[in-house]
Amino acid sequence: MPALRDWLAITETDYGSVLLDMNSGSYWNLNHTGAIVVDTLRRGGSAADAVTAVRRHYDIGPDEAERDVADLLDQLRQAGILDEKTK
């Protein structure tokens, strides 16, 4: 299950969320869709939960929601701020 690293600070904005890597000082601006995904993960949800949350908020099909969530998770992994935890 994907999880955010413990050393991230997350702040909600009018435009989505900002993630701050407190170790490096790097930050990422996320739009509203990204903020929904990050909030779902922060609350312990899975990628599938994030897809459901995005679909609940936007009128999009399951394929588009899954693709959007997968793309964001890949970007977060590449940035080193996403950890795969198993339960």
C-alpha atoms as a PDB file:
ATOM      1  CA  MET A   1       0.000   0.000   0.000  1.00  0.00           C
ATOM      2  CA  PRO A   2       1.478   3.376  -0.916  1.00  0.00           C
ATOM      3  CA  ALA A   3       2.167   5.711   1.981  1.00  0.00           C
ATOM      4  CA  LEU A   4       3.674   9.161   2.239  1.00  0.00           C
ATOM      5  CA  ARG A   5       7.052   9.504   3.928  1.00  0.00           C
ATOM      6  CA  ASP A   6       6.979  10.677   7.534  1.00  0.00           C
ATOM      7  CA  TRP A   7       9.177  13.694   6.807  1.00  0.00           C
ATOM      8  CA  LEU A   8       6.626  15.406   4.579  1.00  0.00           C
ATOM      9  CA  ALA A   9       4.655  18.441   5.658  1.00  0.00           C
ATOM     10  CA  ILE A  10       1.345  18.905   3.853  1.00  0.00           C
ATOM     11  CA  THR A  11      -0.536  22.176   3.635  1.00  0.00           C
ATOM     12  CA  GLU A  12      -3.872  22.647   1.918  1.00  0.00           C
ATOM     13  CA  THR A  13      -4.228  25.703  -0.313  1.00  0.00           C
ATOM     14  CA  ASP A  14      -6.995  27.281  -2.368  1.00  0.00           C
ATOM     15  CA  TYR A  15      -5.569  25.457  -5.385  1.00  0.00           C
ATOM     16  CA  GLY A  16      -4.911  22.004  -3.889  1.00  0.00           C
ATOM     17  CA  SER A  17      -2.015  21.122  -1.591  1.00  0.00           C
ATOM     18  CA  VAL A  18       1.668  21.785  -1.127  1.00  0.00           C
ATOM     19  CA  LEU A  19       3.982  18.962  -0.062  1.00  0.00           C
ATOM     20  CA  LEU A  20       7.234  19.992   1.638  1.00  0.00           C
ATOM     21  CA  ASP A  21      10.137  17.581   1.993  1.00  0.00           C
ATOM     22  CA  MET A  22      11.497  18.707   5.354  1.00  0.00           C
ATOM     23  CA  ASN A  23      14.806  16.907   4.702  1.00  0.00           C
ATOM     24  CA  SER A  24      15.689  18.581   1.409  1.00  0.00           C
ATOM     25  CA  GLY A  25      13.481  21.666   1.334  1.00  0.00           C
ATOM     26  CA  SER A  26      11.953  20.582  -1.984  1.00  0.00           C
ATOM     27  CA  TYR A  27       8.255  21.144  -2.447  1.00  0.00           C
ATOM     28  CA  TRP A  28       5.499  20.116  -4.822  1.00  0.00           C
ATOM     29  CA  ASN A  29       2.299  21.952  -5.702  1.00  0.00           C
ATOM     30  CA  LEU A  30      -0.632  19.622  -6.280  1.00  0.00           C
ATOM     31  CA  ASN A  31      -3.922  20.502  -7.926  1.00  0.00           C
ATOM     32  CA  HIS A  32      -7.235  19.519  -6.323  1.00  0.00           C
ATOM     33  CA  THR A  33      -7.125  16.013  -7.766  1.00  0.00           C
ATOM     34  CA  GLY A  34      -3.627  15.480  -6.397  1.00  0.00           C
ATOM     35  CA  ALA A  35      -4.742  16.846  -3.039  1.00  0.00           C
ATOM     36  CA  ILE A  36      -7.580  14.294  -2.896  1.00  0.00           C
ATOM     37  CA  VAL A  37      -5.135  11.469  -3.614  1.00  0.00           C
ATOM     38  CA  VAL A  38      -2.606  12.662  -1.023  1.00  0.00           C
ATOM     39  CA  ASP A  39      -5.309  13.198   1.593  1.00  0.00           C
ATOM     40  CA  THR A  40      -6.588   9.657   1.012  1.00  0.00           C
ATOM     41  CA  LEU A  41      -3.081   8.213   1.444  1.00  0.00           C
ATOM     42  CA  ARG A  42      -2.424  10.374   4.501  1.00  0.00           C
ATOM     43  CA  ARG A  43      -5.523   8.895   6.139  1.00  0.00           C
ATOM     44  CA  GLY A  44      -4.244   5.375   5.490  1.00  0.00           C
ATOM     45  CA  GLY A  45      -6.184   4.706   2.307  1.00  0.00           C
ATOM     46  CA  SER A  46      -5.014   2.638  -0.630  1.00  0.00           C
ATOM     47  CA  ALA A  47      -4.573   3.569  -4.277  1.00  0.00           C
ATOM     48  CA  ALA A  48      -8.008   2.035  -4.935  1.00  0.00           C
ATOM     49  CA  ASP A  49      -9.467   4.234  -2.180  1.00  0.00           C
ATOM     50  CA  ALA A  50      -7.889   7.259  -3.872  1.00  0.00           C
ATOM     51  CA  VAL A  51      -9.492   6.289  -7.196  1.00  0.00           C
ATOM     52  CA  THR A  52     -12.879   6.050  -5.472  1.00  0.00           C
ATOM     53  CA  ALA A  53     -12.380   9.436  -3.801  1.00  0.00           C
ATOM     54  CA  VAL A  54     -11.430  11.088  -7.100  1.00  0.00           C
ATOM     55  CA  ARG A  55     -14.459   9.571  -8.851  1.00  0.00           C
ATOM     56  CA  ARG A  56     -16.722  10.725  -6.027  1.00  0.00           C
ATOM     57  CA  HIS A  57     -15.487  14.293  -6.453  1.00  0.00           C
ATOM     58  CA  TYR A  58     -15.312  14.440 -10.256  1.00  0.00           C
ATOM     59  CA  ASP A  59     -17.600  13.076 -12.938  1.00  0.00           C
ATOM     60  CA  ILE A  60     -15.031  10.817 -14.620  1.00  0.00           C
ATOM     61  CA  GLY A  61     -14.944   7.157 -15.506  1.00  0.00           C
ATOM     62  CA  PRO A  62     -12.970   4.503 -13.670  1.00  0.00           C
ATOM     63  CA  ASP A  63     -10.280   4.204 -16.356  1.00  0.00           C
ATOM     64  CA  GLU A  64      -9.494   7.919 -16.306  1.00  0.00           C
ATOM     65  CA  ALA A  65      -9.473   8.040 -12.501  1.00  0.00           C
ATOM     66  CA  GLU A  66      -7.202   4.990 -12.263  1.00  0.00           C
ATOM     67  CA  ARG A  67      -4.823   6.464 -14.839  1.00  0.00           C
ATOM     68  CA  ASP A  68      -4.704   9.855 -13.079  1.00  0.00           C
ATOM     69  CA  VAL A  69      -4.046   8.282  -9.674  1.00  0.00           C
ATOM     70  CA  ALA A  70      -1.424   5.889 -11.076  1.00  0.00           C
ATOM     71  CA  ASP A  71       0.366   8.754 -12.846  1.00  0.00           C
ATOM     72  CA  LEU A  72       0.515  10.819  -9.658  1.00  0.00           C
ATOM     73  CA  LEU A  73       1.692   7.866  -7.569  1.00  0.00           C
ATOM     74  CA  ASP A  74       4.459   7.200 -10.112  1.00  0.00           C
ATOM     75  CA  GLN A  75       5.574  10.826  -9.895  1.00  0.00           C
ATOM     76  CA  LEU A  76       5.578  10.707  -6.089  1.00  0.00           C
ATOM     77  CA  ARG A  77       7.612   7.479  -6.159  1.00  0.00           C
ATOM     78  CA  GLN A  78      10.139   9.008  -8.544  1.00  0.00           C
ATOM     79  CA  ALA A  79      10.447  12.024  -6.246  1.00  0.00           C
ATOM     80  CA  GLY A  80      11.194   9.669  -3.343  1.00  0.00           C
ATOM     81  CA  ILE A  81       8.282  10.800  -1.220  1.00  0.00           C
ATOM     82  CA  LEU A  82       6.133   7.712  -1.550  1.00  0.00           C
ATOM     83  CA  ASP A  83       6.858   4.483   0.254  1.00  0.00           C
ATOM     84  CA  GLU A  84       5.272   1.120  -0.457  1.00  0.00           C
ATOM     85  CA  LYS A  85       4.144  -0.353   2.850  1.00  0.00           C
ATOM     86  CA  THR A  86       2.656  -3.772   3.273  1.00  0.00           C
ATOM     87  CA  LYS A  87       0.088  -4.702   5.873  1.00  0.00           C
END
